[in-house]
Amino acid sequence: MTHGGHQTPEQLLEQFDAGCQGTADIDMRGVLHAIVADIQDSYTKAMLAHGASAVTAKAVTNVVNDYITNHYGDN
């Protein structure tokens, strides 16, 4: 089952675990990117639900993306 057209957190964790354990040929960067995207979607929805504007939510996401890119690379 997917979550909003994406994999569910449970599916992502299963893939992450399988990749870490070496029990499957998993694109770990792809899984990590999907986990980050899922977390970003979650906190964006939370900000909007608590009255933040779409502009503010986008600005926060941009700051987090810049942090990730600067500290972990953009690939």
Foldseek 3Di string as FASTA:
>chain_A
DDDPPHRDPVVLVVLCVCVVVVVDDGPNVVSVVSVVVVVLVVVLVVCVVVPDDNVVSVVVVVVVLVVCCVPPNDD
